[in-house]
Amino acid sequence: MSNHKSNDEENIRHFAEITNTDETFAHAMLQDDNFDLQAALAKFFSGQLADDLSGDILEVASSTSTVKIQTQQITQVPPKKSSVVTMNSLPNCCAISHLKDKPGSDFLQEVTNDVIQLLAQQMEPMYNIFVSNPSSPSYCITLISKNIKVERHEILEFDTSVGRSAILIEAQWQKLKLKLINYHFDSIKENSSQRSKQFAHCINKLDAISGADPSKTLAIFGGDLNLRDEEVSSLPKSIKDRWIEADCIYYSGPYADMDFSLQGTQRIKQIYCFPSDHFGISCRFYNPPGQ
């Protein structure tokens, strides 16, 4: 065995021991940072936001190593950046654990009971998991970083041919209010009328929940929407969109700039397939007022 591979395996064991997780999760986290133990631990303990945070230094010690990480300091303005990913999850594939970025909020669609068991095992150390309708063959789930305080969540029922429900999350992160809607619209051409109604309902809901305090509220509606151009109604002036094929994100908030990129573009080495049947969307919002 090469020294490089031996060091990687040792870092996996150290990560699992320090974080009290299993080696499968440790491998997924370390792989994102080229098996750099300190970088992976910093992401884990700071909720994937180590590059943004300022404050005191906390030492996390194990029998074999000591790693210094930063703890978050509450400020009087919204965080420097906020991020969200939306994508489908293939059967028996824990898609989010294979993403390069680990955002504050994750919208997953077409999740099955088998997949959610994997998600709970691998992602609960970092995320709280909210499920729309677990009695359906597949459903939406929303993952929220444990750095973010969830104040309430609600299941939104719609006129749908396949029993799908949306998830509304209302949360607080530092001085930023988060309003998040994750949904998977009906597919196939014959359900065009239902998609139009679902879209109008979600946009009206997004507009309503973002209007109370727009300078400190980031409102996001996203998912696998299966929309055709003729099904999209006009948007309120405050709402913008980002999309690729079936996946869309609509948002309103205080940030002046945002980055938009694809997720899940690399095959998973162990099983040689992509994390999803189509690429996901990653949005990073930055430059809030007052910074």
Protein backbone atom coordinates (compact mmCIF):
# COMPACT_ATOMS: atom_id res chain seq x y z
CA MET A 1 0.00 0.00 0.00
CA SER A 2 1.40 3.43 -0.92
CA ASN A 3 2.15 6.00 1.76
CA HIS A 4 -0.39 8.35 0.14
CA LYS A 5 -3.22 5.82 0.40
CA SER A 6 -2.17 4.92 3.94
CA ASN A 7 -2.29 8.59 4.99
CA ASP A 8 -5.74 8.98 3.42
CA GLU A 9 -7.10 6.01 5.35
CA GLU A 10 -5.54 7.32 8.56
CA ASN A 11 -7.21 10.70 8.01
CA ILE A 12 -10.55 8.92 7.47
CA ARG A 13 -10.19 7.16 10.82
CA HIS A 14 -9.15 10.39 12.56
CA PHE A 15 -12.09 12.33 11.07
CA ALA A 16 -14.60 9.66 12.13
CA GLU A 17 -13.14 9.56 15.65
CA ILE A 18 -13.06 13.34 16.15
CA THR A 19 -16.56 13.96 14.75
CA ASN A 20 -18.17 10.80 16.17
CA THR A 21 -19.36 9.78 12.68
CA ASP A 22 -18.71 6.68 10.57
CA GLU A 23 -15.94 6.15 8.02
CA THR A 24 -18.32 6.30 5.04
CA PHE A 25 -19.28 9.84 5.97
CA ALA A 26 -15.65 10.69 6.77
CA HIS A 27 -14.55 9.49 3.33
CA ALA A 28 -17.19 11.65 1.60
CA MET A 29 -16.14 14.76 3.54
CA LEU A 30 -12.40 14.24 3.09
CA GLN A 31 -12.74 13.47 -0.60
CA ASP A 32 -14.10 16.99 -1.16
CA ASP A 33 -10.87 18.47 0.30
CA ASN A 34 -8.31 16.07 -1.21
CA PHE A 35 -8.14 14.25 2.15
CA ASP A 36 -6.92 17.35 3.98
CA LEU A 37 -7.98 16.51 7.55
CA GLN A 38 -7.85 20.05 8.93
CA ALA A 39 -9.86 21.52 6.03
CA ALA A 40 -12.53 18.82 6.28
CA LEU A 41 -12.86 19.23 10.05
CA ALA A 42 -13.11 23.00 9.72
CA LYS A 43 -16.02 22.57 7.28
CA PHE A 44 -17.73 20.02 9.51
CA PHE A 45 -17.60 22.01 12.73
CA SER A 46 -18.35 25.40 11.14
CA GLY A 47 -21.23 24.19 9.01
CA GLN A 48 -19.29 24.44 5.73
CA LEU A 49 -18.65 28.16 6.26
CA ALA A 50 -15.09 28.25 7.57
CA ASP A 51 -13.96 30.83 5.02
CA ASP A 52 -16.67 33.29 6.14
CA LEU A 53 -16.52 33.09 9.89
CA SER A 54 -14.70 35.20 12.44
CA GLY A 55 -14.41 34.80 16.17
CA ASP A 56 -12.67 32.73 18.78
CA ILE A 57 -10.48 29.72 18.13
CA LEU A 58 -11.72 26.37 19.43
CA GLU A 59 -9.40 23.39 19.79
CA VAL A 60 -10.85 19.98 19.01
CA ALA A 61 -8.57 17.29 20.37
CA SER A 62 -8.35 13.54 19.84
CA SER A 63 -5.85 10.93 20.95
CA THR A 64 -3.87 11.48 17.76
CA SER A 65 -4.33 15.09 16.68
CA THR A 66 -5.44 18.57 17.62
CA VAL A 67 -7.20 20.76 15.05
CA LYS A 68 -7.94 24.46 15.42
CA ILE A 69 -11.19 25.75 13.94
CA GLN A 70 -13.08 29.02 14.05
CA THR A 71 -16.38 29.48 15.83
CA GLN A 72 -19.07 31.77 14.47
CA GLN A 73 -19.52 35.30 15.74
CA ILE A 74 -22.99 36.85 15.52
CA THR A 75 -23.05 40.16 13.62
CA GLN A 76 -25.68 42.86 13.13
CA VAL A 77 -25.97 42.38 9.35
CA PRO A 78 -26.87 39.38 7.16
CA PRO A 79 -24.06 36.82 6.68
CA LYS A 80 -21.49 37.56 3.99
CA LYS A 81 -22.93 34.79 1.84
CA SER A 82 -25.64 32.18 1.76
CA SER A 83 -26.00 29.17 -0.53
CA VAL A 84 -28.53 26.60 -1.71
CA VAL A 85 -28.45 23.51 -3.95
CA THR A 86 -31.39 21.78 -5.64
CA MET A 87 -31.23 18.44 -7.45
CA ASN A 88 -32.88 15.07 -7.94
CA SER A 89 -31.60 12.03 -6.07
CA LEU A 90 -31.19 8.73 -7.89
CA PRO A 91 -32.47 5.55 -6.19
CA ASN A 92 -29.94 4.21 -3.68
CA CYS A 93 -27.66 7.20 -4.27
CA CYS A 94 -26.99 9.73 -1.51
CA ALA A 95 -26.57 12.55 -4.02
CA ILE A 96 -25.80 15.41 -1.67
CA SER A 97 -22.85 13.62 -0.05
CA HIS A 98 -21.10 13.57 -3.44
CA LEU A 99 -21.40 17.29 -4.14
CA LYS A 100 -18.28 19.44 -4.16
CA ASP A 101 -19.99 22.18 -2.14
CA LYS A 102 -21.89 21.60 1.10
CA PRO A 103 -24.35 24.53 1.22
CA GLY A 104 -26.48 25.82 4.05
CA SER A 105 -29.70 24.56 2.44
CA ASP A 106 -30.28 21.58 0.16
CA PHE A 107 -33.44 20.86 -1.82
CA LEU A 108 -33.68 17.21 -2.90
CA GLN A 109 -36.44 15.62 -4.97
CA GLU A 110 -37.39 12.03 -5.83
CA VAL A 111 -36.05 10.77 -2.51
CA THR A 112 -37.08 7.22 -1.56
CA ASN A 113 -37.18 5.53 1.83
CA ASP A 114 -33.93 3.69 1.05
CA VAL A 115 -32.16 6.95 0.19
CA ILE A 116 -33.38 8.82 3.25
CA GLN A 117 -31.88 6.14 5.49
CA LEU A 118 -28.49 6.81 3.85
CA LEU A 119 -29.01 10.55 4.19
CA ALA A 120 -29.82 10.25 7.87
CA GLN A 121 -26.68 8.19 8.43
CA GLN A 122 -24.33 10.46 6.48
CA MET A 123 -25.79 13.95 6.80
CA GLU A 124 -27.48 14.28 10.21
CA PRO A 125 -24.22 15.38 11.89
CA MET A 126 -24.36 18.50 9.68
CA TYR A 127 -28.01 18.93 8.72
CA ASN A 128 -31.54 18.80 10.06
CA ILE A 129 -33.75 16.86 7.63
CA PHE A 130 -37.35 17.77 6.76
CA VAL A 131 -39.56 15.39 4.75
CA SER A 132 -42.63 16.30 2.69
CA ASN A 133 -44.67 13.09 2.30
CA PRO A 134 -42.85 9.86 3.25
CA SER A 135 -45.89 7.75 2.36
CA SER A 136 -45.36 8.53 -1.35
CA PRO A 137 -43.09 6.33 -3.50
CA SER A 138 -40.75 9.34 -3.74
CA TYR A 139 -40.85 12.77 -2.14
CA CYS A 140 -39.02 16.02 -1.46
CA ILE A 141 -36.73 16.61 1.48
CA THR A 142 -35.00 19.77 2.63
CA LEU A 143 -31.70 19.71 4.53
CA ILE A 144 -30.85 22.71 6.71
CA SER A 145 -27.41 23.27 8.23
CA LYS A 146 -27.40 22.92 12.00
CA ASN A 147 -25.86 26.40 12.16
CA ILE A 148 -29.27 27.69 11.03
CA LYS A 149 -32.13 27.94 13.54
CA VAL A 150 -35.35 26.53 12.07
CA GLU A 151 -38.33 28.39 13.54
CA ARG A 152 -41.12 26.52 11.77
CA HIS A 153 -41.81 24.19 8.86
CA GLU A 154 -44.99 23.48 6.96
CA ILE A 155 -46.12 20.94 4.37
CA LEU A 156 -47.92 22.65 1.47
CA GLU A 157 -50.54 20.55 -0.30
CA PHE A 158 -51.36 21.12 -3.97
CA ASP A 159 -53.64 19.81 -6.70
CA THR A 160 -51.36 17.05 -7.98
CA SER A 161 -51.72 13.81 -9.90
CA VAL A 162 -48.99 12.00 -7.97
CA GLY A 163 -49.52 13.06 -4.35
CA ARG A 164 -46.50 15.35 -4.07
CA SER A 165 -46.24 18.01 -1.37
CA ALA A 166 -43.97 21.02 -0.96
CA ILE A 167 -41.91 21.92 2.11
CA LEU A 168 -41.84 25.46 3.51
CA ILE A 169 -39.05 26.26 5.98
CA GLU A 170 -38.81 29.50 7.97
CA ALA A 171 -35.47 29.96 9.71
CA GLN A 172 -32.98 32.43 11.13
CA TRP A 173 -29.24 32.55 10.46
CA GLN A 174 -27.43 35.34 12.25
CA LYS A 175 -29.43 38.43 11.17
CA LEU A 176 -30.79 36.80 8.01
CA LYS A 177 -34.32 35.45 7.79
CA LEU A 178 -34.67 32.44 5.49
CA LYS A 179 -37.90 31.44 3.74
CA LEU A 180 -37.42 28.27 1.69
CA ILE A 181 -39.85 26.33 -0.53
CA ASN A 182 -38.83 22.99 -2.08
CA TYR A 183 -41.15 21.27 -4.55
CA HIS A 184 -41.28 18.69 -7.37
CA PHE A 185 -43.94 19.62 -9.93
CA ASP A 186 -45.98 17.06 -11.82
CA SER A 187 -44.29 15.83 -14.98
CA ILE A 188 -45.52 14.85 -18.50
CA LYS A 189 -47.29 17.10 -20.99
CA GLU A 190 -50.82 16.18 -19.88
CA ASN A 191 -50.27 17.85 -16.48
CA SER A 192 -49.52 21.27 -17.94
CA SER A 193 -52.54 22.94 -16.35
CA GLN A 194 -51.61 21.59 -12.91
CA ARG A 195 -48.02 22.80 -13.26
CA SER A 196 -49.22 26.30 -14.16
CA LYS A 197 -51.40 26.41 -11.05
CA GLN A 198 -48.63 25.00 -8.86
CA PHE A 199 -46.16 27.56 -10.20
CA ALA A 200 -48.51 30.50 -9.65
CA HIS A 201 -49.29 29.32 -6.12
CA CYS A 202 -45.60 28.96 -5.19
CA ILE A 203 -44.62 32.34 -6.68
CA ASN A 204 -47.47 34.07 -4.84
CA LYS A 205 -46.38 32.34 -1.62
CA LEU A 206 -42.74 33.37 -2.19
CA ASP A 207 -43.74 36.97 -2.82
CA ALA A 208 -45.90 37.05 0.31
CA ILE A 209 -43.32 35.59 2.70
CA SER A 210 -40.47 37.78 1.40
CA GLY A 211 -42.27 41.11 1.62
CA ALA A 212 -42.40 41.73 5.38
CA ASP A 213 -38.69 42.58 5.82
CA PRO A 214 -36.98 42.37 2.40
CA SER A 215 -33.71 43.94 3.57
CA LYS A 216 -33.09 41.01 5.92
CA THR A 217 -35.02 38.17 4.24
CA LEU A 218 -33.71 35.70 1.66
CA ALA A 219 -36.68 33.87 0.13
CA ILE A 220 -35.99 30.93 -2.20
CA PHE A 221 -38.33 28.65 -4.13
CA GLY A 222 -36.74 25.79 -6.06
CA GLY A 223 -36.86 22.20 -7.16
CA ASP A 224 -37.51 19.95 -10.12
CA LEU A 225 -40.29 22.00 -11.69
CA ASN A 226 -40.62 20.36 -15.14
CA LEU A 227 -41.83 23.72 -16.48
CA ARG A 228 -42.45 24.61 -20.13
CA ASP A 229 -42.17 28.25 -21.21
CA GLU A 230 -45.91 28.66 -21.73
CA GLU A 231 -46.58 27.48 -18.16
CA VAL A 232 -44.56 30.27 -16.52
CA SER A 233 -46.60 33.28 -15.45
CA SER A 234 -45.08 36.72 -15.00
CA LEU A 235 -42.89 37.29 -11.95
CA PRO A 236 -43.14 40.08 -9.38
CA LYS A 237 -40.37 42.65 -9.83
CA SER A 238 -38.62 41.55 -6.63
CA ILE A 239 -38.22 37.91 -7.73
CA LYS A 240 -35.40 36.66 -9.98
CA ASP A 241 -34.72 33.21 -11.39
CA ARG A 242 -31.92 30.77 -12.23
CA TRP A 243 -32.57 27.50 -14.05
CA ILE A 244 -31.12 24.65 -16.08
CA GLU A 245 -33.43 22.20 -17.87
CA ALA A 246 -36.01 21.05 -15.27
CA ASP A 247 -34.33 22.48 -12.16
CA CYS A 248 -35.18 26.07 -11.24
CA ILE A 249 -34.53 28.50 -8.40
CA TYR A 250 -36.57 31.66 -7.85
CA TYR A 251 -35.40 34.07 -5.17
CA SER A 252 -35.76 37.45 -3.55
CA GLY A 253 -33.47 38.97 -0.96
CA PRO A 254 -30.94 41.54 0.21
CA TYR A 255 -27.83 40.21 -1.55
CA ALA A 256 -26.41 42.33 -4.37
CA ASP A 257 -24.68 39.48 -6.22
CA MET A 258 -24.93 35.74 -6.76
CA ASP A 259 -23.02 32.91 -8.42
CA PHE A 260 -24.83 30.21 -10.36
CA SER A 261 -23.25 26.85 -11.17
CA LEU A 262 -24.07 23.22 -11.88
CA GLN A 263 -23.70 20.44 -9.33
CA GLY A 264 -23.33 16.70 -9.78
CA THR A 265 -21.35 17.01 -13.02
CA GLN A 266 -18.79 14.33 -12.08
CA ARG A 267 -19.40 10.59 -11.98
CA ILE A 268 -19.16 8.89 -8.59
CA LYS A 269 -16.01 6.78 -8.82
CA GLN A 270 -17.23 3.79 -6.85
CA ILE A 271 -20.36 3.18 -8.96
CA TYR A 272 -19.45 5.12 -12.14
CA CYS A 273 -22.71 7.05 -12.41
CA PHE A 274 -23.79 10.62 -11.81
CA PRO A 275 -25.42 11.64 -8.49
CA SER A 276 -28.62 12.54 -10.38
CA ASP A 277 -30.37 11.92 -13.70
CA HIS A 278 -29.81 15.61 -14.50
CA PHE A 279 -27.45 18.24 -13.13
CA GLY A 280 -28.43 20.22 -10.07
CA ILE A 281 -28.21 23.95 -9.45
CA SER A 282 -26.00 25.66 -6.89
CA CYS A 283 -26.60 29.33 -6.02
CA ARG A 284 -24.33 31.37 -3.77
CA PHE A 285 -25.62 34.78 -2.67
CA TYR A 286 -23.12 37.40 -1.48
CA ASN A 287 -22.49 41.12 -0.87
CA PRO A 288 -25.30 41.93 1.60
CA PRO A 289 -26.05 45.56 2.55
CA GLY A 290 -23.75 47.06 5.14
CA GLN A 291 -20.65 45.01 4.13
